[in-house]
Amino acid sequence: MSGEVLWAVVGISLIFALYTLARFSEKLGCALHMKPYYMVYYVASLFIFIDVQIKLWSVLMPEVTIAASQWCNALTAIGMTLALATTVKYWGWLLRTSR
């Protein structure tokens, strides 16, 4: 039970970090005249939010959410992969210029 609650705290922290990256990337994209790829951060946050909700529901009603809880790790993986790809798109120039 405490593992799911701790994961909820981690998930909310990830959502906050992705929101912050989305805001910074929006400003950077506006300055560089890029397409609004920052919206993918919000989609990634949605996947993590759904994962957190399923984990918390599994604490309250374990018999109902057993089938849905198998998808939780996949939702987090999809969300973080989307966030990684978006981060590379917006912030990859930092790695290329530091060499």
C-alpha atoms as a PDB file:
ATOM      1  CA  MET A   1       0.000   0.000   0.000  1.00  0.00           C
ATOM      2  CA  SER A   2       2.686   2.504   0.890  1.00  0.00           C
ATOM      3  CA  GLY A   3       4.489   1.740  -2.379  1.00  0.00           C
ATOM      4  CA  GLU A   4       1.511   2.939  -4.397  1.00  0.00           C
ATOM      5  CA  VAL A   5       1.201   6.093  -2.320  1.00  0.00           C
ATOM      6  CA  LEU A   6       4.906   6.808  -2.698  1.00  0.00           C
ATOM      7  CA  TRP A   7       4.586   6.227  -6.442  1.00  0.00           C
ATOM      8  CA  ALA A   8       1.766   8.795  -6.476  1.00  0.00           C
ATOM      9  CA  VAL A   9       4.149  11.338  -4.953  1.00  0.00           C
ATOM     10  CA  VAL A  10       6.814  10.456  -7.537  1.00  0.00           C
ATOM     11  CA  GLY A  11       4.256  10.649 -10.338  1.00  0.00           C
ATOM     12  CA  ILE A  12       3.039  14.065  -9.252  1.00  0.00           C
ATOM     13  CA  SER A  13       6.659  15.247  -9.095  1.00  0.00           C
ATOM     14  CA  LEU A  14       7.211  13.959 -12.644  1.00  0.00           C
ATOM     15  CA  ILE A  15       4.082  15.756 -13.820  1.00  0.00           C
ATOM     16  CA  PHE A  16       5.339  18.991 -12.256  1.00  0.00           C
ATOM     17  CA  ALA A  17       8.753  18.559 -13.925  1.00  0.00           C
ATOM     18  CA  LEU A  18       7.114  17.912 -17.301  1.00  0.00           C
ATOM     19  CA  TYR A  19       4.897  20.966 -16.865  1.00  0.00           C
ATOM     20  CA  THR A  20       7.966  23.080 -16.129  1.00  0.00           C
ATOM     21  CA  LEU A  21       9.748  21.704 -19.192  1.00  0.00           C
ATOM     22  CA  ALA A  22       6.642  22.404 -21.284  1.00  0.00           C
ATOM     23  CA  ARG A  23       6.575  26.037 -20.207  1.00  0.00           C
ATOM     24  CA  PHE A  24      10.307  26.525 -20.881  1.00  0.00           C
ATOM     25  CA  SER A  25      10.041  24.726 -24.214  1.00  0.00           C
ATOM     26  CA  GLU A  26       7.068  26.842 -25.215  1.00  0.00           C
ATOM     27  CA  LYS A  27       9.100  29.998 -24.704  1.00  0.00           C
ATOM     28  CA  LEU A  28      12.137  28.535 -26.468  1.00  0.00           C
ATOM     29  CA  GLY A  29      10.016  27.294 -29.361  1.00  0.00           C
ATOM     30  CA  CYS A  30       8.407  30.707 -29.722  1.00  0.00           C
ATOM     31  CA  ALA A  31      11.805  32.390 -29.833  1.00  0.00           C
ATOM     32  CA  LEU A  32      13.181  29.874 -32.359  1.00  0.00           C
ATOM     33  CA  HIS A  33       9.943  29.734 -34.407  1.00  0.00           C
ATOM     34  CA  MET A  34       9.520  25.992 -33.871  1.00  0.00           C
ATOM     35  CA  LYS A  35       6.329  23.982 -34.176  1.00  0.00           C
ATOM     36  CA  PRO A  36       4.499  23.531 -30.853  1.00  0.00           C
ATOM     37  CA  TYR A  37       6.095  20.219 -29.920  1.00  0.00           C
ATOM     38  CA  TYR A  38       5.867  21.253 -26.268  1.00  0.00           C
ATOM     39  CA  MET A  39       2.263  19.978 -26.309  1.00  0.00           C
ATOM     40  CA  VAL A  40       3.697  16.452 -26.224  1.00  0.00           C
ATOM     41  CA  TYR A  41       4.821  17.165 -22.638  1.00  0.00           C
ATOM     42  CA  TYR A  42       1.163  17.600 -21.696  1.00  0.00           C
ATOM     43  CA  VAL A  43       0.290  14.287 -23.363  1.00  0.00           C
ATOM     44  CA  ALA A  44       3.136  12.611 -21.453  1.00  0.00           C
ATOM     45  CA  SER A  45       1.824  14.167 -18.239  1.00  0.00           C
ATOM     46  CA  LEU A  46      -1.610  12.765 -19.019  1.00  0.00           C
ATOM     47  CA  PHE A  47      -0.196   9.237 -19.317  1.00  0.00           C
ATOM     48  CA  ILE A  48       1.561   9.592 -15.966  1.00  0.00           C
ATOM     49  CA  PHE A  49      -1.552  11.117 -14.388  1.00  0.00           C
ATOM     50  CA  ILE A  50      -3.641   8.137 -15.521  1.00  0.00           C
ATOM     51  CA  ASP A  51      -0.979   5.818 -14.102  1.00  0.00           C
ATOM     52  CA  VAL A  52      -1.097   7.589 -10.733  1.00  0.00           C
ATOM     53  CA  GLN A  53      -4.884   7.365 -10.668  1.00  0.00           C
ATOM     54  CA  ILE A  54      -4.850   3.631 -11.412  1.00  0.00           C
ATOM     55  CA  LYS A  55      -2.258   3.037  -8.685  1.00  0.00           C
ATOM     56  CA  LEU A  56      -4.299   4.963  -6.123  1.00  0.00           C
ATOM     57  CA  TRP A  57      -7.506   3.161  -7.132  1.00  0.00           C
ATOM     58  CA  SER A  58      -5.698  -0.134  -6.694  1.00  0.00           C
ATOM     59  CA  VAL A  59      -5.137   0.785  -3.053  1.00  0.00           C
ATOM     60  CA  LEU A  60      -8.820   1.557  -2.511  1.00  0.00           C
ATOM     61  CA  MET A  61     -10.310  -1.278  -4.582  1.00  0.00           C
ATOM     62  CA  PRO A  62      -7.721  -3.983  -5.263  1.00  0.00           C
ATOM     63  CA  GLU A  63     -10.192  -6.461  -6.747  1.00  0.00           C
ATOM     64  CA  VAL A  64     -11.476  -4.041  -9.389  1.00  0.00           C
ATOM     65  CA  THR A  65      -8.208  -2.649 -10.688  1.00  0.00           C
ATOM     66  CA  ILE A  66      -6.070  -5.782 -10.923  1.00  0.00           C
ATOM     67  CA  ALA A  67      -6.439  -5.964 -14.715  1.00  0.00           C
ATOM     68  CA  ALA A  68      -5.874  -2.231 -15.166  1.00  0.00           C
ATOM     69  CA  SER A  69      -2.836  -2.137 -12.897  1.00  0.00           C
ATOM     70  CA  GLN A  70      -0.894  -4.302 -15.346  1.00  0.00           C
ATOM     71  CA  TRP A  71      -0.885  -1.356 -17.762  1.00  0.00           C
ATOM     72  CA  CYS A  72       0.502   1.139 -15.246  1.00  0.00           C
ATOM     73  CA  ASN A  73       4.168   0.575 -16.006  1.00  0.00           C
ATOM     74  CA  ALA A  74       3.448   0.731 -19.736  1.00  0.00           C
ATOM     75  CA  LEU A  75       1.685   4.083 -19.338  1.00  0.00           C
ATOM     76  CA  THR A  76       4.636   5.508 -17.450  1.00  0.00           C
ATOM     77  CA  ALA A  77       7.075   4.149 -20.033  1.00  0.00           C
ATOM     78  CA  ILE A  78       5.080   5.674 -22.886  1.00  0.00           C
ATOM     79  CA  GLY A  79       4.836   9.024 -21.102  1.00  0.00           C
ATOM     80  CA  MET A  80       8.520   9.186 -20.286  1.00  0.00           C
ATOM     81  CA  THR A  81       9.502   8.120 -23.831  1.00  0.00           C
ATOM     82  CA  LEU A  82       7.367  10.915 -25.271  1.00  0.00           C
ATOM     83  CA  ALA A  83       8.929  13.368 -22.831  1.00  0.00           C
ATOM     84  CA  LEU A  84      12.439  12.210 -23.714  1.00  0.00           C
ATOM     85  CA  ALA A  85      11.825  12.608 -27.442  1.00  0.00           C
ATOM     86  CA  THR A  86      10.408  16.091 -26.917  1.00  0.00           C
ATOM     87  CA  THR A  87      13.318  17.073 -24.681  1.00  0.00           C
ATOM     88  CA  VAL A  88      15.803  15.967 -27.321  1.00  0.00           C
ATOM     89  CA  LYS A  89      13.885  17.961 -29.936  1.00  0.00           C
ATOM     90  CA  TYR A  90      13.904  21.193 -27.923  1.00  0.00           C
ATOM     91  CA  TRP A  91      17.034  20.923 -25.823  1.00  0.00           C
ATOM     92  CA  GLY A  92      19.323  18.681 -27.875  1.00  0.00           C
ATOM     93  CA  TRP A  93      21.219  21.711 -29.163  1.00  0.00           C
ATOM     94  CA  LEU A  94      22.754  22.094 -25.704  1.00  0.00           C
ATOM     95  CA  LEU A  95      24.559  18.791 -26.119  1.00  0.00           C
ATOM     96  CA  ARG A  96      25.656  19.560 -29.665  1.00  0.00           C
ATOM     97  CA  THR A  97      27.107  22.986 -28.799  1.00  0.00           C
ATOM     98  CA  SER A  98      28.959  21.858 -25.666  1.00  0.00           C
ATOM     99  CA  ARG A  99      31.480  19.764 -27.596  1.00  0.00           C
END
